[in-house]
Amino acid sequence: MLRVVGIGADGWAGLSPPGREALTTAQVIFGSDRQLELLPPELAADRVAWPTPLLAGLTRLLAEHAGRRRAVLASGDPTLYGIASTIARFAPDVTQAIVPHPSSISLACARLGWAQQDVEVASLVARPLQTLGRLIQPSRRILVLAQGADSPAQVAGLLRERGFGPSQLIALSNLEAKNEQRAERTADEWPEAGWPDGTSAEPLTVLGIECVPGPDAVRLPLVPGLPDAAYENDGQLTKRHVRALTLSSLAPSPGELLWDVGGGAGSIGIEWLRTHPACEAVCVEHDPERAARIERNAGELGVPRLEVVTGRAPQALAGLPTPDAIFIGGGAGADGMIDACWQALRPGGRLVVNVTTVESEQAVYAARALHGGELTRIEITRAAPIGRYTGWRPAMPVTQWVVEKTANRDVEKGIDQ
């Protein structure tokens, strides 16, 4: 049994009786140097600091002390971006008994008078700054777990870059400790380094953000169908209205994985990820320049976790994790493409294919004869100037095939008459 004890910046004084008992009876206590220094010297347990990087020695150290009474220190709530979640992921055979402590998020909400259920939460610990991009929305409140002393200035810079300079930025450090700090300015007023009073920002900081858009704010809705101008592209882009219909057919759910095959600008994979922070996506693109562009788009649009694979499908699909949904936006007519995707798709998964050429349509018709599904012709017409007047200009029609992979499909029933 591994006992995981949450501890705050106030150290031993803030521990509950179960937390103190777990540490008093332990033979070995694991934690960071900072956490271990919070313990009273009279504790008899051996103190073992985690290595850097943590994952390099986590399982090894736990195994080396497997026969002893072990305790682990966690900052705040061990299950909120905490060590308990990491142990559960990388050492699933280790049974944990968790002694919780108020999280930094709950303490920050208490200081600010914010309702926890109405607050967006993000962590910059070992995560890129662009993670916040998706959350920056008018009138939203965000709490950010800072990576280090530079985080407040970096977040303020991102807010200014997105046109949210009037947003209020509140930095709360060392919550519950004797040297607790608070600083508050707009993002426009926040200095490029440190705190507004000229002191150095503390590394243990929670940032509160009240998002206020300026007149030139970048407004990117969370619903599918971002403006085409939001994407850097070379023309290989699933256009806005077709993209919205395609995401509707793909039907993302939290925790599901998408393959975006023939990524172009990466718009389908990016907007899949923007629907929920637990969604995952892999974008496969054979052109290295486009692959680099996809990564830039993902970062700018707040989903830097998009995995980009540079290679030609279907060969590049080998070894990828099993998807819940697949979108083929390019190369559907290539030999073996649809078959390889169908074989890789998990039972119950969805396959959506968009094509614009007669040759690719033929490949779709043949696959539909085998697997069933629905065919839809999408035709978008936009108003455009014709001399002094306005007329309608049709875009190239898109044929969309949508099919769910079900066991023992009756093919004849799956084909529309």
Protein backbone atom coordinates (compact mmCIF):
# COMPACT_ATOMS: atom_id res chain seq x y z
CA MET A 1 0.00 0.00 0.00
CA LEU A 2 1.31 3.42 -0.99
CA ARG A 3 -0.10 6.33 1.03
CA VAL A 4 -0.24 9.59 -0.93
CA VAL A 5 -0.56 12.68 1.26
CA GLY A 6 -1.52 16.10 -0.02
CA ILE A 7 0.39 18.96 1.57
CA GLY A 8 0.04 22.72 1.17
CA ALA A 9 2.50 25.59 1.35
CA ASP A 10 1.73 25.83 5.08
CA GLY A 11 3.39 22.44 5.55
CA TRP A 12 2.90 20.25 8.62
CA ALA A 13 0.56 22.72 10.32
CA GLY A 14 -2.01 22.38 7.57
CA LEU A 15 -2.12 18.58 7.47
CA SER A 16 -5.15 16.65 8.63
CA PRO A 17 -4.74 13.97 11.35
CA PRO A 18 -4.84 11.14 8.75
CA GLY A 19 -2.11 12.90 6.77
CA ARG A 20 0.11 13.29 9.82
CA GLU A 21 -0.47 9.68 10.82
CA ALA A 22 0.51 8.43 7.36
CA LEU A 23 3.78 10.36 7.46
CA THR A 24 4.59 9.58 11.10
CA THR A 25 4.29 5.82 10.55
CA ALA A 26 6.06 5.75 7.18
CA GLN A 27 9.52 4.24 6.81
CA VAL A 28 10.28 6.13 3.60
CA ILE A 29 8.75 9.34 2.24
CA PHE A 30 9.04 10.39 -1.40
CA GLY A 31 8.61 13.97 -2.61
CA SER A 32 10.28 16.94 -4.21
CA ASP A 33 13.05 18.71 -2.32
CA ARG A 34 10.68 21.59 -1.58
CA GLN A 35 7.97 19.27 -0.22
CA LEU A 36 10.38 17.28 1.93
CA GLU A 37 11.69 20.50 3.49
CA LEU A 38 8.18 21.20 4.81
CA LEU A 39 8.36 18.18 7.14
CA PRO A 40 9.55 18.45 10.77
CA PRO A 41 13.06 17.10 11.37
CA GLU A 42 11.91 14.65 14.04
CA LEU A 43 10.15 12.37 11.55
CA ALA A 44 12.03 9.06 11.51
CA ALA A 45 11.33 8.13 7.88
CA ASP A 46 14.00 8.18 5.20
CA ARG A 47 13.40 11.03 2.75
CA VAL A 48 13.88 10.31 -0.93
CA ALA A 49 13.69 13.14 -3.45
CA TRP A 50 12.18 12.45 -6.84
CA PRO A 51 14.61 12.50 -9.76
CA THR A 52 14.44 15.02 -12.59
CA PRO A 53 12.77 14.19 -14.89
CA LEU A 54 10.31 12.44 -12.59
CA LEU A 55 9.20 9.62 -14.89
CA ALA A 56 12.77 8.44 -15.39
CA GLY A 57 12.94 7.05 -11.86
CA LEU A 58 9.38 6.90 -10.55
CA THR A 59 8.68 3.19 -10.96
CA ARG A 60 12.28 2.23 -10.09
CA LEU A 61 12.22 4.05 -6.76
CA LEU A 62 8.82 2.68 -5.81
CA ALA A 63 10.02 -0.84 -6.61
CA GLU A 64 13.27 -0.43 -4.65
CA HIS A 65 11.30 0.33 -1.47
CA ALA A 66 8.41 -2.06 -2.11
CA GLY A 67 8.87 -3.92 1.19
CA ARG A 68 8.64 -0.80 3.37
CA ARG A 69 5.84 1.44 4.59
CA ARG A 70 5.88 4.09 1.88
CA ALA A 71 4.36 7.56 1.72
CA VAL A 72 4.36 10.11 -1.08
CA LEU A 73 3.98 13.87 -0.70
CA ALA A 74 1.80 15.70 -3.23
CA SER A 75 1.23 19.41 -3.66
CA GLY A 76 -2.37 20.14 -2.71
CA ASP A 77 -4.90 17.63 -3.99
CA PRO A 78 -2.94 14.56 -5.23
CA THR A 79 -5.59 13.83 -7.89
CA LEU A 80 -5.65 17.30 -9.52
CA TYR A 81 -2.75 17.36 -11.98
CA GLY A 82 -1.00 15.51 -9.16
CA ILE A 83 1.36 12.66 -8.43
CA ALA A 84 -1.45 10.21 -7.62
CA SER A 85 -2.68 10.41 -11.21
CA THR A 86 0.86 9.93 -12.50
CA ILE A 87 1.40 6.85 -10.34
CA ALA A 88 -1.94 5.39 -11.43
CA ARG A 89 -0.88 5.81 -15.05
CA PHE A 90 2.71 4.59 -14.94
CA ALA A 91 2.55 2.17 -11.98
CA PRO A 92 -1.01 0.79 -12.19
CA ASP A 93 -0.18 -2.24 -10.04
CA VAL A 94 0.59 -0.01 -7.05
CA THR A 95 -2.38 0.34 -4.69
CA GLN A 96 -2.78 3.89 -3.40
CA ALA A 97 -4.48 5.25 -0.30
CA ILE A 98 -4.94 8.97 -0.93
CA VAL A 99 -5.17 11.57 1.84
CA PRO A 100 -6.49 14.71 0.11
CA HIS A 101 -5.72 18.33 0.87
CA PRO A 102 -7.40 21.50 -0.44
CA SER A 103 -6.14 22.03 -3.98
CA SER A 104 -4.58 25.25 -5.15
CA ILE A 105 -7.64 25.66 -7.35
CA SER A 106 -10.05 25.52 -4.41
CA LEU A 107 -7.83 27.89 -2.41
CA ALA A 108 -7.65 30.33 -5.33
CA CYS A 109 -11.43 30.26 -5.76
CA ALA A 110 -11.78 30.96 -2.04
CA ARG A 111 -9.50 34.00 -2.34
CA LEU A 112 -11.26 35.31 -5.44
CA GLY A 113 -14.83 34.41 -4.52
CA TRP A 114 -15.24 32.41 -7.74
CA ALA A 115 -17.51 29.37 -8.08
CA GLN A 116 -15.31 26.36 -8.90
CA GLN A 117 -17.88 24.77 -11.18
CA ASP A 118 -17.89 27.85 -13.42
CA VAL A 119 -14.12 28.13 -13.80
CA GLU A 120 -11.95 26.73 -16.59
CA VAL A 121 -8.77 25.09 -15.27
CA ALA A 122 -5.50 24.61 -17.13
CA SER A 123 -1.96 23.65 -16.21
CA LEU A 124 1.22 24.97 -17.78
CA VAL A 125 3.36 22.48 -15.86
CA ALA A 126 5.23 20.60 -18.62
CA ARG A 127 2.64 21.91 -21.11
CA PRO A 128 3.01 24.57 -23.82
CA LEU A 129 1.61 28.05 -23.35
CA GLN A 130 -0.66 27.57 -26.39
CA THR A 131 -2.76 25.19 -24.28
CA LEU A 132 -4.56 28.29 -23.02
CA GLY A 133 -5.56 29.43 -26.51
CA ARG A 134 -8.76 27.41 -26.67
CA LEU A 135 -9.91 28.73 -23.26
CA ILE A 136 -9.52 32.43 -23.96
CA GLN A 137 -13.13 33.39 -24.59
CA PRO A 138 -15.11 36.54 -23.72
CA SER A 139 -16.43 36.63 -20.14
CA ARG A 140 -14.72 33.37 -19.16
CA ARG A 141 -12.83 32.88 -15.90
CA ILE A 142 -9.69 30.75 -16.07
CA LEU A 143 -7.39 29.44 -13.35
CA VAL A 144 -3.91 28.47 -14.52
CA LEU A 145 -1.35 26.41 -12.62
CA ALA A 146 1.87 28.24 -13.41
CA GLN A 147 4.98 26.47 -14.65
CA GLY A 148 7.40 28.87 -13.00
CA ALA A 149 8.28 32.46 -12.24
CA ASP A 150 7.96 33.51 -15.89
CA SER A 151 4.41 32.21 -16.34
CA PRO A 152 2.48 35.39 -15.34
CA ALA A 153 4.34 37.54 -17.89
CA GLN A 154 3.98 34.85 -20.58
CA VAL A 155 0.24 34.52 -19.99
CA ALA A 156 -0.15 38.31 -20.08
CA GLY A 157 1.72 38.35 -23.39
CA LEU A 158 -0.56 35.68 -24.86
CA LEU A 159 -3.65 37.62 -23.77
CA ARG A 160 -2.31 40.77 -25.43
CA GLU A 161 -1.47 38.84 -28.58
CA ARG A 162 -5.06 37.55 -28.79
CA GLY A 163 -6.48 41.03 -28.28
CA PHE A 164 -7.54 40.36 -24.68
CA GLY A 165 -5.26 42.96 -23.12
CA PRO A 166 -8.07 44.45 -20.95
CA SER A 167 -8.41 41.07 -19.18
CA GLN A 168 -7.78 41.11 -15.44
CA LEU A 169 -4.83 38.96 -14.37
CA ILE A 170 -4.54 37.97 -10.68
CA ALA A 171 -1.43 36.11 -9.50
CA LEU A 172 -1.73 34.18 -6.22
CA SER A 173 1.43 32.59 -4.84
CA ASN A 174 2.29 30.37 -1.85
CA LEU A 175 -1.36 30.03 -0.89
CA GLU A 176 -1.84 29.35 2.85
CA ALA A 177 1.82 30.10 3.61
CA LYS A 178 3.05 33.00 5.75
CA ASN A 179 4.57 34.64 2.66
CA GLU A 180 1.41 34.37 0.52
CA GLN A 181 1.43 36.96 -2.28
CA ARG A 182 -1.17 38.56 -4.52
CA ALA A 183 -0.76 40.86 -7.49
CA GLU A 184 -3.46 42.16 -9.81
CA ARG A 185 -3.25 44.10 -13.10
CA THR A 186 -4.71 43.96 -16.56
CA ALA A 187 -2.72 41.99 -19.11
CA ASP A 188 -1.90 45.29 -20.84
CA GLU A 189 -0.42 46.62 -17.60
CA TRP A 190 1.52 43.50 -16.59
CA PRO A 191 5.31 43.86 -16.91
CA GLU A 192 7.34 41.70 -19.28
CA ALA A 193 9.01 40.00 -16.32
CA GLY A 194 8.35 39.57 -12.61
CA TRP A 195 5.46 41.09 -10.68
CA PRO A 196 4.01 44.60 -10.98
CA ASP A 197 5.75 45.72 -7.76
CA GLY A 198 9.12 44.79 -9.21
CA THR A 199 9.64 41.63 -7.15
CA SER A 200 10.25 38.21 -8.67
CA ALA A 201 7.20 36.02 -9.21
CA GLU A 202 7.07 32.93 -7.06
CA PRO A 203 7.12 29.56 -8.85
CA LEU A 204 4.12 28.20 -6.86
CA THR A 205 1.57 30.47 -8.46
CA VAL A 206 -2.04 30.18 -9.58
CA LEU A 207 -3.13 32.73 -12.15
CA GLY A 208 -6.71 33.92 -12.23
CA ILE A 209 -7.89 35.38 -15.56
CA GLU A 210 -11.10 37.27 -16.16
CA CYS A 211 -11.25 37.39 -19.94
CA VAL A 212 -12.20 40.78 -21.40
CA PRO A 213 -11.87 41.21 -25.17
CA GLY A 214 -10.45 44.38 -26.65
CA PRO A 215 -11.75 45.89 -29.89
CA ASP A 216 -9.36 43.77 -31.99
CA ALA A 217 -9.80 40.52 -30.06
CA VAL A 218 -9.47 37.20 -31.87
CA ARG A 219 -12.81 35.46 -31.28
CA LEU A 220 -12.74 31.76 -32.10
CA PRO A 221 -15.92 29.88 -31.15
CA LEU A 222 -15.75 26.36 -29.77
CA VAL A 223 -18.33 25.02 -32.22
CA PRO A 224 -17.01 23.46 -35.45
CA GLY A 225 -16.62 25.70 -38.47
CA LEU A 226 -13.92 28.24 -37.61
CA PRO A 227 -13.38 30.96 -40.22
CA ASP A 228 -11.13 29.79 -43.06
CA ALA A 229 -8.85 32.75 -42.30
CA ALA A 230 -8.03 31.20 -38.92
CA TYR A 231 -5.87 28.65 -40.74
CA GLU A 232 -2.55 29.17 -42.42
CA ASN A 233 -2.97 27.16 -45.62
CA ASP A 234 -1.89 26.71 -49.23
CA GLY A 235 -5.41 26.08 -50.53
CA GLN A 236 -5.59 22.50 -49.18
CA LEU A 237 -8.23 23.26 -46.57
CA THR A 238 -11.63 21.75 -45.84
CA LYS A 239 -13.73 24.89 -46.13
CA ARG A 240 -15.75 26.24 -43.24
CA HIS A 241 -19.27 25.01 -44.03
CA VAL A 242 -18.14 21.59 -45.25
CA ARG A 243 -15.91 21.33 -42.18
CA ALA A 244 -18.84 21.95 -39.83
CA LEU A 245 -20.90 19.25 -41.56
CA THR A 246 -17.93 16.86 -41.47
CA LEU A 247 -17.36 17.31 -37.73
CA SER A 248 -21.06 16.70 -37.18
CA SER A 249 -20.76 13.40 -39.06
CA LEU A 250 -17.61 12.41 -37.15
CA ALA A 251 -19.51 13.04 -33.87
CA PRO A 252 -16.59 13.51 -31.44
CA SER A 253 -17.01 12.38 -27.84
CA PRO A 254 -14.66 13.02 -24.87
CA GLY A 255 -11.68 10.68 -24.84
CA GLU A 256 -12.06 9.47 -28.42
CA LEU A 257 -9.22 9.32 -30.95
CA LEU A 258 -9.47 10.60 -34.52
CA TRP A 259 -7.27 9.86 -37.51
CA ASP A 260 -7.25 12.84 -39.89
CA VAL A 261 -5.82 11.28 -43.04
CA GLY A 262 -4.55 13.68 -45.68
CA GLY A 263 -4.39 16.57 -43.24
CA GLY A 264 -3.87 19.57 -45.56
CA ALA A 265 -4.06 22.42 -43.04
CA GLY A 266 -5.11 20.11 -40.19
CA SER A 267 -8.50 21.74 -39.75
CA ILE A 268 -10.53 18.58 -39.07
CA GLY A 269 -8.12 17.23 -36.46
CA ILE A 270 -7.78 20.65 -34.84
CA GLU A 271 -11.52 21.24 -34.54
CA TRP A 272 -12.05 17.69 -33.27
CA LEU A 273 -9.64 18.49 -30.41
CA ARG A 274 -11.30 21.82 -29.71
CA THR A 275 -14.61 20.10 -28.91
CA HIS A 276 -13.28 18.67 -25.62
CA PRO A 277 -9.90 18.64 -23.81
CA ALA A 278 -10.01 14.83 -23.49
CA CYS A 279 -10.28 14.25 -27.25
CA GLU A 280 -7.19 13.01 -29.09
CA ALA A 281 -6.20 13.23 -32.75
CA VAL A 282 -3.47 12.12 -35.13
CA CYS A 283 -3.04 14.01 -38.39
CA VAL A 284 -1.29 12.19 -41.24
CA GLU A 285 0.20 14.35 -44.00
CA HIS A 286 2.81 13.29 -46.55
CA ASP A 287 4.11 16.78 -47.41
CA PRO A 288 6.68 17.97 -44.81
CA GLU A 289 5.90 21.64 -45.40
CA ARG A 290 2.20 21.08 -44.83
CA ALA A 291 2.95 18.93 -41.76
CA ALA A 292 4.91 21.82 -40.24
CA ARG A 293 2.04 24.16 -41.11
CA ILE A 294 -0.42 21.85 -39.35
CA GLU A 295 1.67 22.01 -36.18
CA ARG A 296 1.68 25.80 -36.33
CA ASN A 297 -2.09 25.90 -36.83
CA ALA A 298 -2.64 23.54 -33.91
CA GLY A 299 -0.56 25.74 -31.62
CA GLU A 300 -2.24 28.97 -32.72
CA LEU A 301 -5.70 27.47 -32.22
CA GLY A 302 -5.03 26.15 -28.71
CA VAL A 303 -4.55 22.42 -29.31
CA PRO A 304 -0.77 21.85 -29.47
CA ARG A 305 -1.37 18.24 -28.38
CA LEU A 306 -2.35 17.32 -31.97
CA GLU A 307 0.04 14.58 -33.10
CA VAL A 308 1.30 15.09 -36.64
CA VAL A 309 2.70 12.13 -38.58
CA THR A 310 4.65 12.97 -41.73
CA GLY A 311 4.25 10.14 -44.22
CA ARG A 312 2.14 8.83 -47.06
CA ALA A 313 -1.00 6.93 -46.18
CA PRO A 314 -1.92 4.13 -46.04
CA GLN A 315 1.67 3.04 -45.27
CA ALA A 316 2.08 5.74 -42.59
CA LEU A 317 -0.95 4.42 -40.71
CA ALA A 318 0.86 1.29 -39.55
CA GLY A 319 1.47 1.22 -35.80
CA LEU A 320 -0.84 4.12 -34.92
CA PRO A 321 -3.22 3.59 -31.97
CA THR A 322 -6.68 2.24 -32.84
CA PRO A 323 -9.00 5.11 -33.77
CA ASP A 324 -12.60 5.72 -32.78
CA ALA A 325 -13.19 7.76 -35.93
CA ILE A 326 -11.35 8.32 -39.20
CA PHE A 327 -11.63 11.17 -41.67
CA ILE A 328 -10.16 10.79 -45.14
CA GLY A 329 -9.88 14.21 -46.68
CA GLY A 330 -7.26 13.43 -49.30
CA GLY A 331 -6.15 10.36 -51.21
CA ALA A 332 -9.35 8.33 -50.84
CA GLY A 333 -8.78 6.91 -54.33
CA ALA A 334 -5.26 5.66 -53.52
CA ASP A 335 -4.79 1.89 -53.68
CA GLY A 336 -5.78 0.30 -50.39
CA MET A 337 -6.55 3.58 -48.60
CA ILE A 338 -10.18 3.01 -47.68
CA ASP A 339 -9.61 -0.68 -46.93
CA ALA A 340 -6.66 0.06 -44.62
CA CYS A 341 -8.69 2.65 -42.71
CA TRP A 342 -11.68 0.33 -42.44
CA GLN A 343 -9.54 -2.49 -41.07
CA ALA A 344 -7.92 -0.17 -38.51
CA LEU A 345 -11.19 1.32 -37.26
CA ARG A 346 -12.49 -0.11 -34.00
CA PRO A 347 -15.94 -1.79 -33.97
CA GLY A 348 -18.56 0.91 -33.55
CA GLY A 349 -16.25 3.57 -34.98
CA ARG A 350 -17.15 6.08 -37.67
CA LEU A 351 -15.53 6.57 -41.08
CA VAL A 352 -16.15 9.81 -42.98
CA VAL A 353 -14.75 10.34 -46.47
CA ASN A 354 -14.95 13.59 -48.46
CA VAL A 355 -14.14 13.46 -52.18
CA THR A 356 -14.39 15.93 -55.05
CA THR A 357 -13.22 13.94 -58.10
CA VAL A 358 -15.00 11.30 -60.18
CA GLU A 359 -12.14 8.85 -59.65
CA SER A 360 -12.31 9.16 -55.88
CA GLU A 361 -16.10 8.87 -56.02
CA GLN A 362 -15.72 5.51 -57.75
CA ALA A 363 -13.58 4.25 -54.86
CA VAL A 364 -16.23 5.46 -52.42
CA TYR A 365 -19.05 3.78 -54.36
CA ALA A 366 -17.17 0.47 -54.35
CA ALA A 367 -16.51 0.69 -50.60
CA ARG A 368 -20.13 1.59 -49.91
CA ALA A 369 -21.25 -1.50 -51.78
CA LEU A 370 -19.26 -3.55 -49.27
CA HIS A 371 -19.93 -1.66 -46.05
CA GLY A 372 -23.12 0.33 -46.53
CA GLY A 373 -23.46 3.82 -45.09
CA GLU A 374 -24.88 7.13 -46.28
CA LEU A 375 -23.91 9.27 -49.25
CA THR A 376 -24.48 13.03 -49.26
CA ARG A 377 -23.70 15.63 -51.90
CA ILE A 378 -22.70 18.92 -50.29
CA GLU A 379 -23.03 21.97 -52.52
CA ILE A 380 -22.27 25.45 -51.19
CA THR A 381 -23.11 28.59 -53.15
CA ARG A 382 -21.82 32.00 -52.10
CA ALA A 383 -22.81 35.50 -53.12
CA ALA A 384 -20.11 37.22 -55.18
CA PRO A 385 -19.85 40.40 -57.24
CA ILE A 386 -20.68 40.21 -60.94
CA GLY A 387 -19.77 43.60 -62.32
CA ARG A 388 -22.02 46.13 -60.59
CA TYR A 389 -24.31 43.36 -59.36
CA THR A 390 -24.24 40.36 -57.03
CA GLY A 391 -24.70 36.78 -58.13
CA TRP A 392 -24.25 33.26 -56.79
CA ARG A 393 -21.03 31.35 -57.39
CA PRO A 394 -21.08 27.61 -56.58
CA ALA A 395 -18.09 25.99 -54.91
CA MET A 396 -16.90 22.59 -56.08
CA PRO A 397 -19.40 20.00 -54.79
CA VAL A 398 -18.23 17.52 -52.17
CA THR A 399 -19.43 13.93 -51.96
CA GLN A 400 -19.44 12.70 -48.38
CA TRP A 401 -19.66 9.06 -47.35
CA VAL A 402 -20.45 8.30 -43.69
CA VAL A 403 -20.47 4.77 -42.32
CA GLU A 404 -20.34 3.14 -38.89
CA LYS A 405 -18.39 -0.08 -38.47
CA THR A 406 -20.83 -2.51 -36.90
CA ALA A 407 -20.42 -6.27 -36.43
CA ASN A 408 -22.24 -8.63 -38.82
CA ARG A 409 -23.51 -5.77 -40.96
CA ASP A 410 -26.29 -6.71 -43.35
CA VAL A 411 -24.89 -4.95 -46.39
CA GLU A 412 -28.15 -4.85 -48.28
CA LYS A 413 -29.90 -3.05 -45.42
CA GLY A 414 -27.05 -0.58 -45.18
CA ILE A 415 -27.45 0.66 -48.76
CA ASP A 416 -30.04 3.29 -49.57
CA GLN A 417 -32.35 2.33 -52.41
